[in-house]
Amino acid sequence: MKKLALVSALAVAAASPLLTGSALAATAQGTATATVVAPITLTHASGSALAFGSFTAGTGGTVIVSSAGAGSKTGGVVLVAGSTNTADSFTVGGDASRAFTISTTGSTVASGSNTLSFTTLASATSGTLSSSGAASFTVGGTLTVPSTAVAGSYTGSYDATVTYN
């Protein structure tokens, strides 16, 4: 008798709509989105350069060019009168109103086998592109001049990098 009641209860439960497959699963559709932004670009301004100017080594020291282009010195370095110091200049392009970071490297300048090392400092470590997708920054630096620096015209390069935040 108990078996008959149990079989009857199972038959009723199996026929119940609460336990059908459609009551145990449901499907809904989700949404996917994507935004492609303009790539960030960095352009070195034509004719610009980080120019440490002309100087004598004296007892050694540094030549400093601010990111605004002002020149100064430390130690025994003597700046030559009329010499021009300039900061370097870059323009950034990309997605309007997007924030970015700026980094620059130090390097060396060379005249033949003679080298002098320098560090760089950008006018800002970050920025935000304008509503038209443009920005700019400048780069100054500090050149280390040993007392043994050999006279000559020194040239070199360094890297500037911008990255979206």
Protein backbone atom coordinates (compact mmCIF):
# COMPACT_ATOMS: atom_id res chain seq x y z
CA MET A 1 0.00 0.00 0.00
CA LYS A 2 2.80 2.35 0.86
CA LYS A 3 4.43 1.59 -2.48
CA LEU A 4 1.22 2.38 -4.32
CA ALA A 5 0.88 5.73 -2.50
CA LEU A 6 4.48 6.61 -3.22
CA VAL A 7 4.13 5.76 -6.94
CA SER A 8 0.92 7.82 -7.10
CA ALA A 9 2.60 10.80 -5.44
CA LEU A 10 5.50 10.64 -7.89
CA ALA A 11 3.13 10.47 -10.86
CA VAL A 12 1.26 13.57 -9.64
CA ALA A 13 4.53 15.44 -9.03
CA ALA A 14 5.83 14.57 -12.49
CA ALA A 15 2.67 15.91 -14.09
CA SER A 16 2.85 19.18 -12.10
CA PRO A 17 3.91 22.26 -14.15
CA LEU A 18 6.10 23.47 -11.26
CA LEU A 19 8.61 20.73 -11.92
CA THR A 20 8.76 20.78 -15.71
CA GLY A 21 11.96 21.71 -17.54
CA SER A 22 10.70 25.21 -18.39
CA ALA A 23 10.29 26.05 -14.73
CA LEU A 24 13.87 25.01 -13.92
CA ALA A 25 15.66 27.12 -16.60
CA ALA A 26 15.28 30.58 -18.11
CA THR A 27 17.05 32.52 -20.87
CA ALA A 28 17.49 36.27 -21.26
CA GLN A 29 19.58 38.24 -23.72
CA GLY A 30 22.50 40.40 -22.49
CA THR A 31 24.06 43.48 -24.06
CA ALA A 32 27.65 43.94 -25.30
CA THR A 33 29.34 47.25 -26.11
CA ALA A 34 32.73 48.39 -27.39
CA THR A 35 34.36 51.78 -27.92
CA VAL A 36 37.28 52.26 -30.30
CA VAL A 37 39.29 55.38 -29.47
CA ALA A 38 41.67 57.31 -31.68
CA PRO A 39 45.27 56.16 -31.16
CA ILE A 40 47.48 58.48 -29.17
CA THR A 41 50.20 60.18 -31.22
CA LEU A 42 53.34 62.08 -30.26
CA THR A 43 55.09 64.48 -32.62
CA HIS A 44 58.41 66.24 -32.04
CA ALA A 45 58.03 69.92 -32.98
CA SER A 46 60.03 70.68 -36.10
CA GLY A 47 63.22 72.59 -35.35
CA SER A 48 62.96 72.26 -31.58
CA ALA A 49 65.68 70.74 -29.42
CA LEU A 50 66.77 70.52 -25.82
CA ALA A 51 69.70 72.92 -26.19
CA PHE A 52 72.13 73.22 -23.29
CA GLY A 53 73.89 76.11 -25.05
CA SER A 54 77.58 76.97 -25.03
CA PHE A 55 79.75 76.86 -21.91
CA THR A 56 83.21 76.12 -20.57
CA ALA A 57 83.71 73.17 -18.22
CA GLY A 58 85.71 75.07 -15.61
CA THR A 59 85.94 72.87 -12.53
CA GLY A 60 82.87 70.92 -13.61
CA GLY A 61 79.20 71.10 -12.63
CA THR A 62 75.91 71.05 -14.48
CA VAL A 63 74.01 73.03 -17.09
CA ILE A 64 70.28 73.14 -16.36
CA VAL A 65 67.53 74.01 -18.84
CA SER A 66 64.08 74.36 -17.28
CA SER A 67 61.04 73.02 -19.11
CA ALA A 68 60.28 76.70 -19.84
CA GLY A 69 63.69 77.04 -21.56
CA ALA A 70 65.56 79.07 -18.92
CA GLY A 71 69.25 78.19 -18.59
CA SER A 72 71.35 78.10 -15.42
CA LYS A 73 74.45 76.33 -14.13
CA THR A 74 75.98 74.86 -11.01
CA GLY A 75 79.58 74.42 -9.93
CA GLY A 76 82.46 75.76 -11.98
CA VAL A 77 80.70 75.63 -15.35
CA VAL A 78 80.69 79.05 -17.05
CA LEU A 79 77.88 79.87 -19.51
CA VAL A 80 79.09 81.74 -22.60
CA ALA A 81 77.47 85.17 -22.97
CA GLY A 82 74.86 85.24 -25.75
CA SER A 83 74.45 81.46 -25.72
CA THR A 84 70.90 80.20 -26.14
CA ASN A 85 69.25 77.55 -23.99
CA THR A 86 65.95 76.06 -25.14
CA ALA A 87 63.53 73.39 -23.95
CA ASP A 88 62.37 70.76 -26.42
CA SER A 89 58.73 70.70 -27.58
CA PHE A 90 56.20 67.97 -28.40
CA THR A 91 52.55 67.80 -29.46
CA VAL A 92 50.13 65.04 -28.50
CA GLY A 93 47.06 63.99 -30.47
CA GLY A 94 44.31 61.48 -29.89
CA ASP A 95 40.88 60.90 -28.40
CA ALA A 96 39.24 64.16 -27.23
CA SER A 97 39.32 64.87 -23.48
CA ARG A 98 41.25 61.66 -22.70
CA ALA A 99 43.93 61.73 -19.96
CA PHE A 100 47.49 60.57 -20.62
CA THR A 101 50.86 60.24 -18.87
CA ILE A 102 54.22 61.58 -20.04
CA SER A 103 57.63 60.01 -19.45
CA THR A 104 61.07 60.93 -20.75
CA THR A 105 64.45 59.24 -20.55
CA GLY A 106 67.92 60.55 -19.94
CA SER A 107 70.76 59.82 -22.32
CA THR A 108 74.13 61.10 -23.50
CA VAL A 109 75.39 63.60 -26.01
CA ALA A 110 78.58 62.78 -27.88
CA SER A 111 81.35 64.50 -29.78
CA GLY A 112 83.39 61.73 -31.38
CA SER A 113 84.25 59.33 -28.54
CA ASN A 114 83.63 61.97 -25.84
CA THR A 115 80.27 61.82 -24.06
CA LEU A 116 78.33 63.84 -21.49
CA SER A 117 75.28 62.44 -19.72
CA PHE A 118 72.00 64.25 -19.15
CA THR A 119 68.64 63.72 -17.48
CA THR A 120 65.33 65.11 -18.70
CA LEU A 121 62.27 66.60 -17.04
CA ALA A 122 58.97 67.13 -18.86
CA SER A 123 56.85 70.19 -18.06
CA ALA A 124 54.21 67.79 -16.67
CA THR A 125 53.95 64.09 -15.85
CA SER A 126 50.40 63.88 -17.17
CA GLY A 127 47.88 65.80 -19.23
CA THR A 128 44.43 65.75 -20.77
CA LEU A 129 43.75 66.17 -24.46
CA SER A 130 41.55 69.13 -25.38
CA SER A 131 38.04 68.78 -26.79
CA SER A 132 39.70 68.75 -30.24
CA GLY A 133 42.12 65.97 -29.15
CA ALA A 134 45.33 68.02 -28.85
CA ALA A 135 47.90 68.88 -26.16
CA SER A 136 51.54 69.86 -25.92
CA PHE A 137 54.42 69.74 -23.46
CA THR A 138 58.05 70.78 -23.23
CA VAL A 139 61.15 69.02 -21.93
CA GLY A 140 64.06 70.52 -20.04
CA GLY A 141 67.07 68.74 -18.64
CA THR A 142 70.29 68.72 -16.66
CA LEU A 143 73.64 68.06 -18.37
CA THR A 144 76.50 66.82 -16.20
CA VAL A 145 79.79 68.48 -17.18
CA PRO A 146 83.01 67.06 -15.73
CA SER A 147 86.04 69.33 -15.45
CA THR A 148 87.70 67.08 -18.04
CA ALA A 149 85.01 67.69 -20.70
CA VAL A 150 86.65 68.03 -24.12
CA ALA A 151 85.70 71.02 -26.30
CA GLY A 152 83.45 70.10 -29.21
CA SER A 153 79.91 70.11 -30.59
CA TYR A 154 77.92 67.36 -28.82
CA THR A 155 74.69 65.79 -30.08
CA GLY A 156 72.41 63.00 -28.90
CA SER A 157 68.81 62.01 -28.43
CA TYR A 158 66.37 60.78 -25.80
CA ASP A 159 62.92 59.20 -25.74
CA ALA A 160 59.60 60.82 -24.83
CA THR A 161 56.55 58.57 -24.39
CA VAL A 162 52.84 59.31 -23.91
CA THR A 163 50.34 56.70 -22.78
CA TYR A 164 46.57 56.86 -22.31
CA ASN A 165 45.45 56.44 -18.70
